[in-house]
N, C-alpha and C. Protein backbone atom coordinates (compact mmCIF):
# COMPACT_ATOMS: atom_id res chain seq x y z
N MET A 1 -86.68 126.44 225.41
CA MET A 1 -85.32 125.94 225.26
C MET A 1 -85.10 125.43 223.84
N ARG A 2 -83.96 125.79 223.27
CA ARG A 2 -83.62 125.37 221.92
C ARG A 2 -82.32 124.57 221.93
N VAL A 3 -82.28 123.53 221.11
CA VAL A 3 -81.10 122.67 221.01
C VAL A 3 -80.66 122.65 219.55
N TYR A 4 -79.36 122.88 219.35
CA TYR A 4 -78.80 122.94 218.01
C TYR A 4 -77.85 121.77 217.76
N ARG A 5 -77.47 121.60 216.50
CA ARG A 5 -76.45 120.61 216.17
C ARG A 5 -75.08 121.14 216.60
N SER A 6 -74.23 120.25 217.06
CA SER A 6 -72.91 120.65 217.55
C SER A 6 -72.11 121.33 216.44
N PRO A 7 -71.64 122.57 216.65
CA PRO A 7 -70.86 123.26 215.61
C PRO A 7 -69.52 122.59 215.33
N LEU A 8 -68.94 121.92 216.34
CA LEU A 8 -67.67 121.22 216.12
C LEU A 8 -67.84 120.09 215.12
N ARG A 9 -68.93 119.35 215.25
CA ARG A 9 -69.17 118.26 214.32
C ARG A 9 -69.43 118.80 212.90
N LEU A 10 -70.15 119.90 212.81
CA LEU A 10 -70.38 120.51 211.49
C LEU A 10 -69.07 120.97 210.86
N PHE A 11 -68.19 121.54 211.70
CA PHE A 11 -66.89 121.98 211.20
C PHE A 11 -66.07 120.80 210.68
N VAL A 12 -66.11 119.69 211.41
CA VAL A 12 -65.39 118.48 210.97
C VAL A 12 -65.95 117.97 209.65
N PHE A 13 -67.29 117.96 209.52
CA PHE A 13 -67.90 117.54 208.26
C PHE A 13 -67.44 118.43 207.10
N GLY A 14 -67.36 119.73 207.36
CA GLY A 14 -66.92 120.65 206.32
C GLY A 14 -65.49 120.38 205.89
N ILE A 15 -64.60 120.10 206.87
CA ILE A 15 -63.20 119.79 206.55
C ILE A 15 -63.10 118.50 205.75
N VAL A 16 -63.87 117.49 206.15
CA VAL A 16 -63.86 116.23 205.41
C VAL A 16 -64.33 116.43 203.98
N GLY A 17 -65.38 117.22 203.80
CA GLY A 17 -65.87 117.50 202.46
C GLY A 17 -64.83 118.20 201.60
N LEU A 18 -64.13 119.17 202.19
CA LEU A 18 -63.09 119.90 201.45
C LEU A 18 -61.94 118.97 201.07
N LEU A 19 -61.55 118.08 201.98
CA LEU A 19 -60.48 117.13 201.69
C LEU A 19 -60.87 116.17 200.57
N LEU A 20 -62.15 115.77 200.56
CA LEU A 20 -62.61 114.89 199.48
C LEU A 20 -62.52 115.58 198.12
N VAL A 21 -62.86 116.86 198.06
CA VAL A 21 -62.78 117.59 196.80
C VAL A 21 -61.32 117.71 196.35
N LEU A 22 -60.43 118.00 197.27
CA LEU A 22 -59.00 118.11 196.92
C LEU A 22 -58.45 116.77 196.46
N ALA A 23 -58.87 115.69 197.15
CA ALA A 23 -58.41 114.36 196.74
C ALA A 23 -58.93 114.01 195.35
N ALA A 24 -60.17 114.42 195.04
CA ALA A 24 -60.73 114.15 193.72
C ALA A 24 -59.94 114.88 192.64
N VAL A 25 -59.56 116.11 192.90
CA VAL A 25 -58.76 116.87 191.92
C VAL A 25 -57.42 116.18 191.69
N ASP A 26 -56.82 115.66 192.75
CA ASP A 26 -55.54 114.95 192.62
C ASP A 26 -55.71 113.68 191.80
N VAL A 27 -56.78 112.92 192.06
CA VAL A 27 -56.99 111.66 191.35
C VAL A 27 -57.28 111.91 189.87
N MET A 28 -58.07 112.94 189.58
CA MET A 28 -58.50 113.16 188.20
C MET A 28 -57.45 113.89 187.36
N PHE A 29 -56.72 114.83 187.97
CA PHE A 29 -55.86 115.69 187.16
C PHE A 29 -54.41 115.76 187.64
N GLY A 30 -54.21 115.99 188.92
CA GLY A 30 -52.87 116.30 189.40
C GLY A 30 -51.95 115.12 189.56
N ASN A 31 -52.48 114.05 190.18
CA ASN A 31 -51.66 112.87 190.50
C ASN A 31 -50.42 113.24 191.31
N TRP A 32 -50.60 114.21 192.24
CA TRP A 32 -49.48 114.58 193.10
C TRP A 32 -49.25 113.50 194.17
N ILE A 33 -50.31 112.91 194.65
CA ILE A 33 -50.21 111.87 195.67
C ILE A 33 -50.65 110.53 195.11
N SER A 34 -51.72 110.53 194.34
CA SER A 34 -52.24 109.29 193.78
C SER A 34 -51.35 108.79 192.65
N THR A 35 -51.50 107.51 192.32
CA THR A 35 -50.72 106.89 191.25
C THR A 35 -51.33 107.26 189.90
N PRO A 36 -50.52 107.79 188.97
CA PRO A 36 -51.07 108.17 187.65
C PRO A 36 -51.38 106.93 186.81
N PRO A 37 -52.23 107.09 185.81
CA PRO A 37 -52.52 105.96 184.92
C PRO A 37 -51.24 105.47 184.21
N GLU A 38 -51.24 104.22 183.89
CA GLU A 38 -50.08 103.61 183.23
C GLU A 38 -49.91 104.18 181.82
N ASP A 39 -48.66 104.54 181.50
CA ASP A 39 -48.39 105.07 180.17
C ASP A 39 -47.09 104.50 179.63
N ASN A 40 -46.86 104.71 178.35
CA ASN A 40 -45.64 104.27 177.68
C ASN A 40 -45.07 105.46 176.92
N ASN A 41 -44.05 106.09 177.55
CA ASN A 41 -43.43 107.28 176.97
C ASN A 41 -44.45 108.40 176.76
N GLY A 42 -45.29 108.60 177.75
CA GLY A 42 -46.27 109.68 177.69
C GLY A 42 -47.57 109.32 177.01
N VAL A 43 -47.64 108.13 176.44
CA VAL A 43 -48.87 107.68 175.78
C VAL A 43 -49.53 106.63 176.66
N LEU A 44 -50.80 106.85 176.97
CA LEU A 44 -51.51 105.92 177.84
C LEU A 44 -51.66 104.57 177.17
N THR A 45 -51.35 103.52 177.91
CA THR A 45 -51.59 102.18 177.42
C THR A 45 -53.08 101.85 177.54
N THR A 46 -53.47 100.69 177.05
CA THR A 46 -54.86 100.27 177.16
C THR A 46 -55.26 100.18 178.63
N ARG A 47 -54.38 99.63 179.43
CA ARG A 47 -54.65 99.56 180.88
C ARG A 47 -54.71 100.95 181.48
N GLY A 48 -53.82 101.84 181.03
CA GLY A 48 -53.80 103.19 181.54
C GLY A 48 -55.09 103.95 181.21
N GLN A 49 -55.61 103.72 180.01
CA GLN A 49 -56.87 104.36 179.64
C GLN A 49 -58.02 103.89 180.53
N ALA A 50 -58.04 102.58 180.85
CA ALA A 50 -59.06 102.06 181.75
C ALA A 50 -58.90 102.67 183.15
N GLN A 51 -57.65 102.80 183.58
CA GLN A 51 -57.39 103.42 184.88
C GLN A 51 -57.84 104.88 184.91
N GLN A 52 -57.61 105.58 183.81
CA GLN A 52 -58.02 106.98 183.74
C GLN A 52 -59.54 107.12 183.82
N ARG A 53 -60.26 106.24 183.12
CA ARG A 53 -61.73 106.29 183.20
C ARG A 53 -62.21 106.00 184.62
N GLY A 54 -61.57 105.03 185.26
CA GLY A 54 -61.93 104.73 186.65
C GLY A 54 -61.65 105.90 187.56
N ASP A 55 -60.52 106.60 187.35
CA ASP A 55 -60.17 107.76 188.17
C ASP A 55 -61.20 108.88 187.99
N ILE A 56 -61.68 109.06 186.76
CA ILE A 56 -62.67 110.10 186.51
C ILE A 56 -63.99 109.78 187.23
N VAL A 57 -64.38 108.50 187.20
CA VAL A 57 -65.62 108.11 187.88
C VAL A 57 -65.48 108.32 189.39
N TRP A 58 -64.39 107.80 189.96
CA TRP A 58 -64.19 107.96 191.40
C TRP A 58 -64.03 109.42 191.79
N GLY A 59 -63.31 110.17 190.97
CA GLY A 59 -63.11 111.59 191.27
C GLY A 59 -64.42 112.36 191.23
N GLY A 60 -65.28 112.06 190.26
CA GLY A 60 -66.57 112.72 190.18
C GLY A 60 -67.43 112.42 191.40
N ALA A 61 -67.42 111.14 191.84
CA ALA A 61 -68.19 110.77 193.03
C ALA A 61 -67.66 111.49 194.27
N MET A 62 -66.34 111.57 194.40
CA MET A 62 -65.74 112.24 195.56
C MET A 62 -66.05 113.74 195.56
N ILE A 63 -66.06 114.34 194.37
CA ILE A 63 -66.40 115.77 194.29
C ILE A 63 -67.86 115.98 194.71
N GLY A 64 -68.74 115.10 194.26
CA GLY A 64 -70.15 115.25 194.63
C GLY A 64 -70.38 115.12 196.12
N VAL A 65 -69.80 114.07 196.73
CA VAL A 65 -69.97 113.86 198.18
C VAL A 65 -69.29 114.98 198.96
N GLY A 66 -68.09 115.35 198.55
CA GLY A 66 -67.37 116.40 199.27
C GLY A 66 -68.08 117.74 199.20
N THR A 67 -68.60 118.07 198.01
CA THR A 67 -69.33 119.33 197.87
C THR A 67 -70.59 119.33 198.73
N LEU A 68 -71.27 118.19 198.77
CA LEU A 68 -72.49 118.07 199.58
C LEU A 68 -72.16 118.25 201.07
N LEU A 69 -71.13 117.60 201.55
CA LEU A 69 -70.75 117.71 202.97
C LEU A 69 -70.32 119.13 203.31
N PHE A 70 -69.48 119.70 202.47
CA PHE A 70 -68.97 121.05 202.75
C PHE A 70 -70.10 122.08 202.68
N GLY A 71 -70.93 121.99 201.64
CA GLY A 71 -72.03 122.95 201.50
C GLY A 71 -73.04 122.84 202.63
N ALA A 72 -73.40 121.59 203.00
CA ALA A 72 -74.38 121.40 204.06
C ALA A 72 -73.86 121.92 205.40
N SER A 73 -72.59 121.68 205.69
CA SER A 73 -72.03 122.15 206.96
C SER A 73 -71.97 123.67 207.02
N VAL A 74 -71.59 124.31 205.91
CA VAL A 74 -71.53 125.77 205.90
C VAL A 74 -72.92 126.38 206.06
N VAL A 75 -73.90 125.84 205.35
CA VAL A 75 -75.28 126.35 205.45
C VAL A 75 -75.81 126.16 206.87
N GLU A 76 -75.54 124.99 207.45
CA GLU A 76 -76.03 124.71 208.81
C GLU A 76 -75.37 125.63 209.84
N LEU A 77 -74.09 125.90 209.66
CA LEU A 77 -73.39 126.79 210.59
C LEU A 77 -73.92 128.22 210.49
N ILE A 78 -74.27 128.65 209.28
CA ILE A 78 -74.77 130.02 209.09
C ILE A 78 -76.22 130.13 209.56
N ARG A 79 -77.03 129.16 209.19
CA ARG A 79 -78.46 129.24 209.50
C ARG A 79 -78.75 128.95 210.97
N ARG A 80 -78.08 127.96 211.54
CA ARG A 80 -78.24 127.60 212.95
C ARG A 80 -79.70 127.37 213.32
N LYS A 81 -80.35 126.47 212.61
CA LYS A 81 -81.75 126.14 212.89
C LYS A 81 -81.78 125.11 214.02
N PRO A 82 -82.63 125.32 215.04
CA PRO A 82 -82.69 124.36 216.15
C PRO A 82 -83.21 123.00 215.71
N LEU A 83 -82.63 121.95 216.28
CA LEU A 83 -83.10 120.59 216.02
C LEU A 83 -84.30 120.25 216.91
N ILE A 84 -84.27 120.74 218.13
CA ILE A 84 -85.35 120.50 219.10
C ILE A 84 -85.67 121.82 219.80
N GLU A 85 -86.96 122.10 219.95
CA GLU A 85 -87.40 123.28 220.69
C GLU A 85 -88.52 122.87 221.64
N VAL A 86 -88.30 123.12 222.92
CA VAL A 86 -89.31 122.84 223.94
C VAL A 86 -89.92 124.18 224.34
N TYR A 87 -91.22 124.34 224.11
CA TYR A 87 -91.87 125.61 224.43
C TYR A 87 -93.21 125.34 225.10
N GLU A 88 -93.99 126.39 225.35
CA GLU A 88 -95.17 126.27 226.21
C GLU A 88 -96.25 125.37 225.64
N ASP A 89 -96.29 125.16 224.32
CA ASP A 89 -97.34 124.34 223.72
C ASP A 89 -96.91 122.92 223.40
N GLY A 90 -95.62 122.61 223.53
CA GLY A 90 -95.17 121.25 223.24
C GLY A 90 -93.73 121.23 222.78
N ILE A 91 -93.42 120.26 221.90
CA ILE A 91 -92.07 120.05 221.39
C ILE A 91 -92.10 120.18 219.86
N VAL A 92 -91.14 120.90 219.33
CA VAL A 92 -90.97 121.00 217.88
C VAL A 92 -89.66 120.30 217.52
N ALA A 93 -89.74 119.28 216.67
CA ALA A 93 -88.56 118.51 216.27
C ALA A 93 -88.32 118.70 214.77
N SER A 94 -87.08 118.98 214.42
CA SER A 94 -86.72 119.19 213.02
C SER A 94 -86.37 117.84 212.39
N ILE A 95 -87.40 117.03 212.13
CA ILE A 95 -87.19 115.67 211.65
C ILE A 95 -88.05 115.34 210.43
N GLY A 96 -88.84 116.30 209.95
CA GLY A 96 -89.76 116.03 208.85
C GLY A 96 -89.06 115.95 207.51
N THR A 97 -89.75 115.41 206.53
CA THR A 97 -89.23 115.32 205.17
C THR A 97 -89.82 116.41 204.29
N THR A 98 -91.15 116.41 204.16
CA THR A 98 -91.81 117.46 203.37
C THR A 98 -91.76 118.79 204.11
N HIS A 99 -92.22 118.80 205.35
CA HIS A 99 -92.12 119.96 206.22
C HIS A 99 -91.16 119.60 207.35
N ARG A 100 -90.06 120.35 207.43
CA ARG A 100 -88.97 119.98 208.33
C ARG A 100 -89.40 119.94 209.78
N ASP A 101 -90.19 120.92 210.23
CA ASP A 101 -90.59 121.00 211.63
C ASP A 101 -91.83 120.14 211.88
N VAL A 102 -91.73 119.24 212.85
CA VAL A 102 -92.84 118.39 213.27
C VAL A 102 -93.23 118.80 214.68
N VAL A 103 -94.50 119.21 214.86
CA VAL A 103 -94.99 119.72 216.14
C VAL A 103 -95.61 118.57 216.93
N LEU A 104 -95.16 118.41 218.19
CA LEU A 104 -95.71 117.41 219.11
C LEU A 104 -96.34 118.15 220.28
N PRO A 105 -97.64 118.41 220.25
CA PRO A 105 -98.29 119.17 221.33
C PRO A 105 -98.34 118.36 222.62
N TRP A 106 -98.33 119.09 223.76
CA TRP A 106 -98.37 118.41 225.06
C TRP A 106 -99.59 117.52 225.19
N ALA A 107 -100.72 117.94 224.63
CA ALA A 107 -101.96 117.15 224.75
C ALA A 107 -101.81 115.78 224.11
N GLN A 108 -100.88 115.65 223.18
CA GLN A 108 -100.70 114.39 222.46
C GLN A 108 -99.59 113.53 223.06
N ILE A 109 -98.81 114.10 223.99
CA ILE A 109 -97.65 113.40 224.55
C ILE A 109 -98.04 112.70 225.84
N GLU A 110 -97.63 111.45 225.95
CA GLU A 110 -97.89 110.66 227.15
C GLU A 110 -96.68 110.63 228.08
N GLU A 111 -95.48 110.56 227.49
CA GLU A 111 -94.26 110.46 228.31
C GLU A 111 -93.05 110.90 227.50
N VAL A 112 -92.06 111.49 228.18
CA VAL A 112 -90.80 111.88 227.56
C VAL A 112 -89.67 111.30 228.39
N ALA A 113 -88.69 110.67 227.73
CA ALA A 113 -87.57 110.05 228.45
C ALA A 113 -86.34 110.05 227.56
N SER A 114 -85.18 109.90 228.18
CA SER A 114 -83.92 109.78 227.45
C SER A 114 -83.47 108.33 227.45
N GLY A 115 -82.64 107.97 226.49
CA GLY A 115 -82.14 106.60 226.41
C GLY A 115 -80.98 106.51 225.46
N VAL A 116 -80.49 105.29 225.24
CA VAL A 116 -79.39 105.04 224.32
C VAL A 116 -79.73 103.81 223.48
N ARG A 117 -79.06 103.72 222.34
CA ARG A 117 -79.19 102.53 221.50
C ARG A 117 -77.87 102.29 220.80
N THR A 118 -77.67 101.06 220.35
CA THR A 118 -76.46 100.68 219.65
C THR A 118 -76.64 100.92 218.15
N ASP A 119 -75.71 101.65 217.56
CA ASP A 119 -75.79 101.92 216.13
C ASP A 119 -75.58 100.62 215.36
N PRO A 120 -76.51 100.25 214.46
CA PRO A 120 -76.37 98.98 213.75
C PRO A 120 -75.22 98.96 212.74
N TYR A 121 -74.66 100.14 212.40
CA TYR A 121 -73.61 100.20 211.39
C TYR A 121 -72.21 100.17 211.98
N ASP A 122 -71.95 101.00 212.99
CA ASP A 122 -70.60 101.04 213.56
C ASP A 122 -70.53 100.50 214.99
N GLY A 123 -71.67 100.09 215.56
CA GLY A 123 -71.67 99.53 216.90
C GLY A 123 -71.52 100.55 218.01
N GLY A 124 -71.53 101.83 217.69
CA GLY A 124 -71.39 102.87 218.70
C GLY A 124 -72.68 103.09 219.48
N ILE A 125 -72.53 103.74 220.63
CA ILE A 125 -73.68 104.07 221.48
C ILE A 125 -74.16 105.46 221.14
N ARG A 126 -75.44 105.60 220.82
CA ARG A 126 -76.00 106.89 220.43
C ARG A 126 -77.13 107.26 221.38
N ASP A 127 -77.11 108.53 221.84
CA ASP A 127 -78.17 109.03 222.72
C ASP A 127 -79.45 109.24 221.92
N GLN A 128 -80.58 109.07 222.62
CA GLN A 128 -81.87 109.27 221.97
C GLN A 128 -82.86 109.91 222.94
N LEU A 129 -83.78 110.68 222.37
CA LEU A 129 -84.90 111.23 223.11
C LEU A 129 -86.15 110.47 222.70
N HIS A 130 -86.81 109.81 223.68
CA HIS A 130 -88.00 109.02 223.40
C HIS A 130 -89.25 109.82 223.78
N VAL A 131 -90.14 109.98 222.83
CA VAL A 131 -91.41 110.68 223.06
C VAL A 131 -92.54 109.70 222.76
N ARG A 132 -93.23 109.26 223.82
CA ARG A 132 -94.35 108.34 223.63
C ARG A 132 -95.65 109.14 223.56
N LEU A 133 -96.43 108.87 222.52
CA LEU A 133 -97.64 109.63 222.25
C LEU A 133 -98.88 108.84 222.67
N ARG A 134 -99.94 109.58 222.96
CA ARG A 134 -101.22 108.93 223.24
C ARG A 134 -101.76 108.27 221.96
N GLU A 135 -101.59 108.97 220.86
CA GLU A 135 -101.93 108.43 219.55
C GLU A 135 -101.09 109.15 218.51
N LYS A 136 -100.76 108.44 217.45
CA LYS A 136 -99.87 108.99 216.43
C LYS A 136 -100.54 110.11 215.65
N GLY A 137 -101.85 109.99 215.43
CA GLY A 137 -102.57 111.04 214.71
C GLY A 137 -102.09 111.18 213.28
N ASP A 138 -101.93 112.42 212.84
CA ASP A 138 -101.52 112.69 211.46
C ASP A 138 -100.03 113.01 211.34
N LEU A 139 -99.24 112.59 212.32
CA LEU A 139 -97.80 112.81 212.23
C LEU A 139 -97.20 111.97 211.11
N PRO A 140 -96.16 112.46 210.43
CA PRO A 140 -95.62 111.76 209.26
C PRO A 140 -94.94 110.44 209.63
N ASP A 141 -95.09 109.45 208.76
CA ASP A 141 -94.40 108.17 208.94
C ASP A 141 -92.92 108.30 208.62
N GLY A 142 -92.62 109.04 207.55
CA GLY A 142 -91.23 109.23 207.16
C GLY A 142 -90.58 110.37 207.92
N VAL A 143 -89.53 110.07 208.66
CA VAL A 143 -88.83 111.09 209.45
C VAL A 143 -87.33 110.95 209.20
N ILE A 144 -86.60 112.04 209.45
CA ILE A 144 -85.15 112.08 209.27
C ILE A 144 -84.50 112.23 210.65
N GLY A 145 -83.55 111.36 210.97
CA GLY A 145 -82.88 111.43 212.26
C GLY A 145 -83.75 110.93 213.40
N ALA A 146 -84.73 110.11 213.09
CA ALA A 146 -85.62 109.56 214.12
C ALA A 146 -86.26 108.29 213.58
N THR A 147 -86.83 107.49 214.47
CA THR A 147 -87.50 106.26 214.09
C THR A 147 -88.78 106.10 214.91
N TRP A 148 -89.76 105.44 214.31
CA TRP A 148 -91.01 105.12 214.99
C TRP A 148 -90.94 103.70 215.52
N GLU A 149 -91.36 103.53 216.77
CA GLU A 149 -91.51 102.20 217.37
C GLU A 149 -92.89 102.17 218.01
N GLY A 150 -93.89 101.82 217.18
CA GLY A 150 -95.27 101.89 217.65
C GLY A 150 -95.69 103.35 217.82
N ARG A 151 -96.07 103.72 219.06
CA ARG A 151 -96.46 105.10 219.35
C ARG A 151 -95.30 105.93 219.87
N THR A 152 -94.12 105.34 219.93
CA THR A 152 -92.95 106.03 220.48
C THR A 152 -92.06 106.55 219.35
N LEU A 153 -91.76 107.84 219.41
CA LEU A 153 -90.85 108.47 218.46
C LEU A 153 -89.49 108.61 219.12
N SER A 154 -88.47 107.93 218.57
CA SER A 154 -87.11 107.98 219.11
C SER A 154 -86.27 108.89 218.23
N ILE A 155 -85.82 110.02 218.80
CA ILE A 155 -85.09 111.04 218.06
C ILE A 155 -83.61 110.93 218.37
N ASP A 156 -82.79 110.86 217.33
CA ASP A 156 -81.33 110.75 217.50
C ASP A 156 -80.78 112.04 218.10
N ALA A 157 -80.00 111.91 219.19
CA ALA A 157 -79.51 113.10 219.90
C ALA A 157 -77.99 113.06 220.08
N HIS A 158 -77.29 112.35 219.22
CA HIS A 158 -75.86 112.13 219.46
C HIS A 158 -75.00 113.37 219.21
N ASP A 159 -75.50 114.35 218.43
CA ASP A 159 -74.68 115.53 218.14
C ASP A 159 -75.36 116.83 218.58
N TRP A 160 -76.16 116.77 219.63
CA TRP A 160 -76.83 117.96 220.15
C TRP A 160 -75.87 118.80 220.99
N THR A 161 -76.18 120.09 221.09
CA THR A 161 -75.36 120.98 221.91
C THR A 161 -75.67 120.83 223.40
N LYS A 162 -76.78 120.19 223.75
CA LYS A 162 -77.13 119.94 225.15
C LYS A 162 -77.29 118.45 225.38
N PRO A 163 -76.95 117.95 226.59
CA PRO A 163 -77.14 116.53 226.87
C PRO A 163 -78.61 116.14 226.76
N VAL A 164 -78.85 114.95 226.24
CA VAL A 164 -80.23 114.51 226.04
C VAL A 164 -80.96 114.35 227.37
N THR A 165 -80.21 114.03 228.45
CA THR A 165 -80.85 113.91 229.76
C THR A 165 -81.40 115.25 230.23
N GLU A 166 -80.68 116.33 229.95
CA GLU A 166 -81.15 117.67 230.32
C GLU A 166 -82.39 118.05 229.51
N VAL A 167 -82.38 117.74 228.22
CA VAL A 167 -83.53 118.04 227.37
C VAL A 167 -84.75 117.26 227.85
N ALA A 168 -84.56 115.99 228.21
CA ALA A 168 -85.67 115.16 228.67
C ALA A 168 -86.26 115.71 229.97
N LEU A 169 -85.41 116.16 230.89
CA LEU A 169 -85.90 116.71 232.16
C LEU A 169 -86.71 117.98 231.94
N ILE A 170 -86.24 118.86 231.06
CA ILE A 170 -86.97 120.10 230.78
C ILE A 170 -88.31 119.77 230.11
N ALA A 171 -88.30 118.82 229.19
CA ALA A 171 -89.55 118.43 228.52
C ALA A 171 -90.52 117.80 229.51
N GLN A 172 -90.03 116.99 230.44
CA GLN A 172 -90.89 116.41 231.46
C GLN A 172 -91.52 117.49 232.34
N GLY A 173 -90.72 118.51 232.68
CA GLY A 173 -91.25 119.62 233.46
C GLY A 173 -92.34 120.37 232.71
N GLY A 174 -92.13 120.60 231.42
CA GLY A 174 -93.16 121.25 230.61
C GLY A 174 -94.43 120.43 230.52
N LEU A 175 -94.29 119.11 230.40
CA LEU A 175 -95.45 118.23 230.32
C LEU A 175 -96.23 118.23 231.63
N GLU A 176 -95.53 118.17 232.77
CA GLU A 176 -96.20 118.18 234.07
C GLU A 176 -96.90 119.51 234.32
N TYR A 177 -96.28 120.61 233.93
CA TYR A 177 -96.91 121.92 234.08
C TYR A 177 -98.19 122.00 233.26
N TYR A 178 -98.14 121.51 232.02
CA TYR A 178 -99.34 121.52 231.17
C TYR A 178 -100.45 120.71 231.81
N ARG A 179 -100.11 119.55 232.39
CA ARG A 179 -101.15 118.70 233.00
C ARG A 179 -101.76 119.37 234.22
N ARG A 180 -100.95 120.06 235.02
CA ARG A 180 -101.49 120.75 236.20
C ARG A 180 -102.44 121.87 235.78
N VAL A 181 -102.05 122.63 234.76
CA VAL A 181 -102.91 123.72 234.28
C VAL A 181 -104.22 123.16 233.74
N GLU A 182 -104.15 122.06 232.99
CA GLU A 182 -105.36 121.45 232.45
C GLU A 182 -106.26 120.94 233.57
N ALA A 183 -105.68 120.37 234.63
CA ALA A 183 -106.49 119.87 235.74
C ALA A 183 -107.21 121.02 236.44
N ILE A 184 -106.51 122.14 236.63
CA ILE A 184 -107.13 123.30 237.27
C ILE A 184 -108.26 123.85 236.41
N ASN A 185 -108.04 123.92 235.10
CA ASN A 185 -109.07 124.44 234.21
C ASN A 185 -110.31 123.55 234.19
N GLN A 186 -110.11 122.24 234.30
CA GLN A 186 -111.24 121.32 234.29
C GLN A 186 -112.03 121.37 235.59
N MET A 187 -111.36 121.67 236.70
CA MET A 187 -112.06 121.77 237.98
C MET A 187 -113.02 122.95 237.99
N GLY A 188 -112.57 124.07 237.48
CA GLY A 188 -113.40 125.28 237.44
C GLY A 188 -113.56 125.87 238.82
N GLY A 189 -114.25 127.03 238.92
CA GLY A 189 -114.47 127.71 240.21
C GLY A 189 -115.94 127.73 240.56
N PRO A 190 -116.29 127.99 241.83
CA PRO A 190 -117.70 128.03 242.23
C PRO A 190 -118.42 129.19 241.57
N SER A 191 -119.66 128.94 241.19
CA SER A 191 -120.46 129.98 240.55
C SER A 191 -121.38 130.62 241.58
N LEU A 192 -121.54 131.91 241.51
CA LEU A 192 -122.39 132.66 242.42
C LEU A 192 -123.60 133.19 241.67
N VAL A 193 -124.79 132.95 242.22
CA VAL A 193 -126.03 133.42 241.60
C VAL A 193 -126.69 134.39 242.55
N TRP A 194 -126.91 135.62 242.09
CA TRP A 194 -127.58 136.64 242.89
C TRP A 194 -129.02 136.75 242.40
N GLU A 195 -129.96 136.73 243.37
CA GLU A 195 -131.38 136.84 243.01
C GLU A 195 -131.88 138.20 243.46
N MET A 196 -132.46 138.95 242.54
CA MET A 196 -132.97 140.29 242.82
C MET A 196 -134.49 140.27 242.80
N LYS A 197 -135.14 141.18 243.60
CA LYS A 197 -136.59 141.31 243.56
C LYS A 197 -136.97 142.77 243.54
N MET A 198 -138.10 143.06 242.92
CA MET A 198 -138.62 144.42 242.86
C MET A 198 -139.71 144.57 243.92
N SER A 199 -139.62 145.67 244.67
CA SER A 199 -140.63 145.94 245.71
C SER A 199 -141.91 146.45 245.06
N THR A 200 -143.06 145.98 245.54
CA THR A 200 -144.36 146.43 245.02
C THR A 200 -144.98 147.50 245.91
N GLY A 201 -144.19 148.02 246.83
CA GLY A 201 -144.70 149.03 247.75
C GLY A 201 -144.70 150.41 247.13
N ASP A 202 -144.66 151.40 248.02
CA ASP A 202 -144.68 152.82 247.63
C ASP A 202 -143.47 153.11 246.76
N PRO A 203 -143.67 153.62 245.53
CA PRO A 203 -142.54 153.90 244.64
C PRO A 203 -141.62 154.96 245.19
N THR A 204 -142.07 155.74 246.18
CA THR A 204 -141.21 156.76 246.76
C THR A 204 -140.37 156.21 247.89
N SER A 205 -140.62 154.90 248.23
CA SER A 205 -139.89 154.30 249.35
C SER A 205 -138.44 154.11 248.95
N ASP A 206 -137.54 154.16 249.96
CA ASP A 206 -136.10 153.96 249.71
C ASP A 206 -135.77 152.49 249.50
N ASP A 207 -136.75 151.57 249.79
CA ASP A 207 -136.47 150.13 249.70
C ASP A 207 -137.16 149.52 248.49
N ASP A 208 -137.18 150.26 247.35
CA ASP A 208 -137.82 149.74 246.16
C ASP A 208 -137.14 148.47 245.66
N VAL A 209 -135.81 148.45 245.74
CA VAL A 209 -135.06 147.33 245.20
C VAL A 209 -134.23 146.75 246.32
N GLY A 210 -134.26 145.46 246.48
CA GLY A 210 -133.44 144.83 247.51
C GLY A 210 -133.02 143.45 247.11
N MET A 211 -132.10 142.83 247.89
CA MET A 211 -131.60 141.49 247.60
C MET A 211 -132.41 140.48 248.38
N GLU A 212 -132.55 139.31 247.80
CA GLU A 212 -133.27 138.23 248.47
C GLU A 212 -132.52 137.86 249.73
N GLY A 213 -133.23 137.67 250.78
CA GLY A 213 -132.58 137.28 252.03
C GLY A 213 -132.39 138.42 252.97
N THR A 214 -132.89 139.68 252.67
CA THR A 214 -132.79 140.80 253.60
C THR A 214 -133.84 140.69 254.67
N ASP A 215 -133.64 141.39 255.78
CA ASP A 215 -134.58 141.32 256.90
C ASP A 215 -135.91 141.94 256.50
N GLU A 216 -137.04 141.27 256.90
CA GLU A 216 -138.37 141.80 256.61
C GLU A 216 -138.68 142.96 257.54
N GLU A 217 -139.54 143.88 257.02
CA GLU A 217 -139.93 145.04 257.83
C GLU A 217 -140.87 144.61 258.94
N ASP A 218 -140.80 145.25 260.05
CA ASP A 218 -141.66 144.91 261.21
C ASP A 218 -143.07 145.42 260.95
N GLY A 219 -144.02 144.75 261.55
CA GLY A 219 -145.39 145.21 261.55
C GLY A 219 -146.14 144.63 260.42
């Protein structure tokens, strides 16, 4: 199962980025909506010159942020890289910094659950996928869109294409299946040992070779 970022949210980010670029052009050059710098008969006053410098700084910042938002949303919509992938060997989360994909094998996972938390910035409720590990191992400390709380990795799921509760249930099923398979493999099957013997009788006899436990000849 693969989970992607919501395309609607990416589209909204792209529109916001484009609007920021247009607003920056208006502030820096057009002044169609924004207030132009103060001038006196077409000549900028001292205050107007300061206003113009401020407009250039703000406009440059808006162009940078807008271009980043628009470019990132377009690339994400085209590439469509999954944020979470649940497969037979574990969970792959796109939360890394140096290497984007972080692999969480079933053998390392103790529990998977869904939950919510309050955003410290806007006070909103955000869905999360909690993955508690047996040990952290060599997993990276620095992650994007997730936080470490001891051995528990909490992954932000507020803009996923699938509900976090559904993802958690599928991951729990995969974890239980892995544990059942491991238990069966550890039990193993009964071993059979066959013992053979060579007859020391007449080499022309039909009973030269036989299995241990056959009936003895009479006489």
